[in-house]
Amino acid sequence: QVQLVESGGGLVQPGGSLRLSCAASESIFSFYRMAWYRQAPGKQRELVVVITSGGTTNYADSVKGRFTISRDNAKNTIYLQMNSLKPEDTAVYYCNAQKTVFNYWGQGTQVTVSS
């Protein structure tokens, strides 16, 4: 069973930065895509950014220019660098990985942007 473990969430002031990590229990090359999603209270889960096994990325308009996804293949880990954070970025952030017909989720990490 694939496991995804997120870390790095917390409380940050508006304009601040955080880096989230998602460690996979197997090689990230086994997934044809990995992604970060987020879910704010009372809202549906939304896609933040996706990265394919080939390295193609696609960002939500709301985070373009502020968030950056990266990966460390040796550590089986993907990252989400979040800069210029806004209160509306407050949400639980989830790591997602897909291969064949299987879809895997992490447990989520809370990000709160508040002064």
Protein backbone atom coordinates (compact mmCIF):
# COMPACT_ATOMS: atom_id res chain seq x y z
CA GLN A 1 0.00 0.00 0.00
CA VAL A 2 1.38 3.38 -1.02
CA GLN A 3 1.78 5.91 1.78
CA LEU A 4 2.09 9.65 1.38
CA VAL A 5 3.13 11.71 4.41
CA GLU A 6 2.84 15.49 4.34
CA SER A 7 4.66 17.87 6.65
CA GLY A 8 5.57 21.53 6.89
CA GLY A 9 2.23 23.17 7.58
CA GLY A 10 1.70 25.78 10.26
CA LEU A 11 0.70 29.31 11.09
CA VAL A 12 2.24 32.12 9.07
CA GLN A 13 1.56 35.82 8.69
CA PRO A 14 0.30 37.26 5.40
CA GLY A 15 3.22 37.74 3.02
CA GLY A 16 5.16 34.92 4.64
CA SER A 17 6.42 31.63 3.26
CA LEU A 18 6.10 27.93 4.01
CA ARG A 19 7.45 24.81 2.37
CA LEU A 20 5.36 21.66 2.41
CA SER A 21 6.83 18.20 1.90
CA CYS A 22 5.22 14.97 0.76
CA ALA A 23 7.25 11.82 1.27
CA ALA A 24 6.18 8.74 -0.67
CA SER A 25 6.76 5.15 0.45
CA GLU A 26 8.05 4.21 -3.01
CA SER A 27 9.78 5.80 -5.95
CA ILE A 28 7.90 8.84 -7.20
CA PHE A 29 8.69 7.68 -10.75
CA SER A 30 6.12 4.93 -10.21
CA PHE A 31 3.39 7.60 -10.36
CA TYR A 32 2.39 9.15 -13.66
CA ARG A 33 1.39 12.30 -11.82
CA MET A 34 1.59 13.84 -8.36
CA ALA A 35 -0.24 16.89 -7.13
CA TRP A 36 -1.08 19.18 -4.27
CA TYR A 37 -4.71 19.90 -3.47
CA ARG A 38 -6.22 22.05 -0.76
CA GLN A 39 -9.54 22.27 1.01
CA ALA A 40 -10.69 25.31 2.93
CA PRO A 41 -13.49 25.10 5.53
CA GLY A 42 -16.86 24.82 3.84
CA LYS A 43 -15.35 24.55 0.37
CA GLN A 44 -14.62 21.76 -2.07
CA ARG A 45 -11.16 20.33 -2.44
CA GLU A 46 -9.34 22.13 -5.26
CA LEU A 47 -6.25 21.42 -7.31
CA VAL A 48 -3.28 23.64 -6.49
CA VAL A 49 -0.61 22.21 -8.79
CA VAL A 50 0.18 19.00 -10.62
CA ILE A 51 3.49 17.59 -11.82
CA THR A 52 3.73 14.70 -14.27
CA SER A 53 6.41 12.04 -14.30
CA GLY A 54 7.93 13.92 -17.23
CA GLY A 55 8.18 17.09 -15.19
CA THR A 56 5.34 19.07 -16.75
CA THR A 57 3.62 21.32 -14.22
CA ASN A 58 0.25 23.03 -14.16
CA TYR A 59 -0.71 25.60 -11.51
CA ALA A 60 -4.05 26.97 -10.45
CA ASP A 61 -4.39 30.61 -11.49
CA SER A 62 -4.76 31.63 -7.86
CA VAL A 63 -1.21 30.47 -6.98
CA LYS A 64 0.73 31.16 -10.18
CA GLY A 65 3.86 33.15 -9.50
CA ARG A 66 3.67 32.47 -5.76
CA PHE A 67 3.84 28.68 -5.38
CA THR A 68 6.44 26.33 -6.82
CA ILE A 69 6.37 22.54 -6.95
CA SER A 70 9.61 20.58 -7.00
CA ARG A 71 10.77 17.04 -6.38
CA ASP A 72 13.73 15.14 -5.00
CA ASN A 73 13.76 11.77 -6.70
CA ALA A 74 16.41 10.35 -4.37
CA LYS A 75 14.23 11.11 -1.34
CA ASN A 76 10.95 10.09 -3.02
CA THR A 77 9.63 13.50 -1.99
CA ILE A 78 7.83 16.38 -3.62
CA TYR A 79 7.70 19.89 -2.21
CA LEU A 80 5.45 22.91 -2.41
CA GLN A 81 7.20 26.21 -1.82
CA MET A 82 4.58 28.80 -0.96
CA ASN A 83 5.56 32.47 -0.99
CA SER A 84 3.59 35.69 -0.56
CA LEU A 85 0.94 33.78 1.34
CA LYS A 86 -2.54 35.28 1.65
CA PRO A 87 -5.33 34.61 4.16
CA GLU A 88 -7.27 32.92 1.36
CA ASP A 89 -4.52 30.31 1.11
CA THR A 90 -5.65 28.98 4.49
CA ALA A 91 -6.64 25.35 4.03
CA VAL A 92 -5.68 21.75 4.64
CA TYR A 93 -3.18 20.81 1.96
CA TYR A 94 -3.18 17.27 0.62
CA CYS A 95 -0.61 15.38 -1.41
CA ASN A 96 -1.98 13.17 -4.19
CA ALA A 97 -0.36 10.51 -6.36
CA GLN A 98 -1.79 8.51 -9.23
CA LYS A 99 -0.68 5.39 -11.04
CA THR A 100 -2.75 3.24 -13.35
CA VAL A 101 -6.24 3.24 -11.85
CA PHE A 102 -5.11 3.91 -8.30
CA ASN A 103 -5.37 7.27 -6.58
CA TYR A 104 -3.53 7.87 -3.28
CA TRP A 105 -3.89 10.64 -0.71
CA GLY A 106 -1.90 11.84 2.26
CA GLN A 107 -3.47 12.75 5.57
CA GLY A 108 -3.21 16.48 4.98
CA THR A 109 -1.35 19.31 6.67
CA GLN A 110 -2.96 22.51 7.94
CA VAL A 111 -1.79 25.87 6.60
CA THR A 112 -3.15 28.96 8.34
CA VAL A 113 -2.34 32.44 7.08
CA SER A 114 -3.31 35.03 9.64
CA SER A 115 -1.95 38.07 11.44
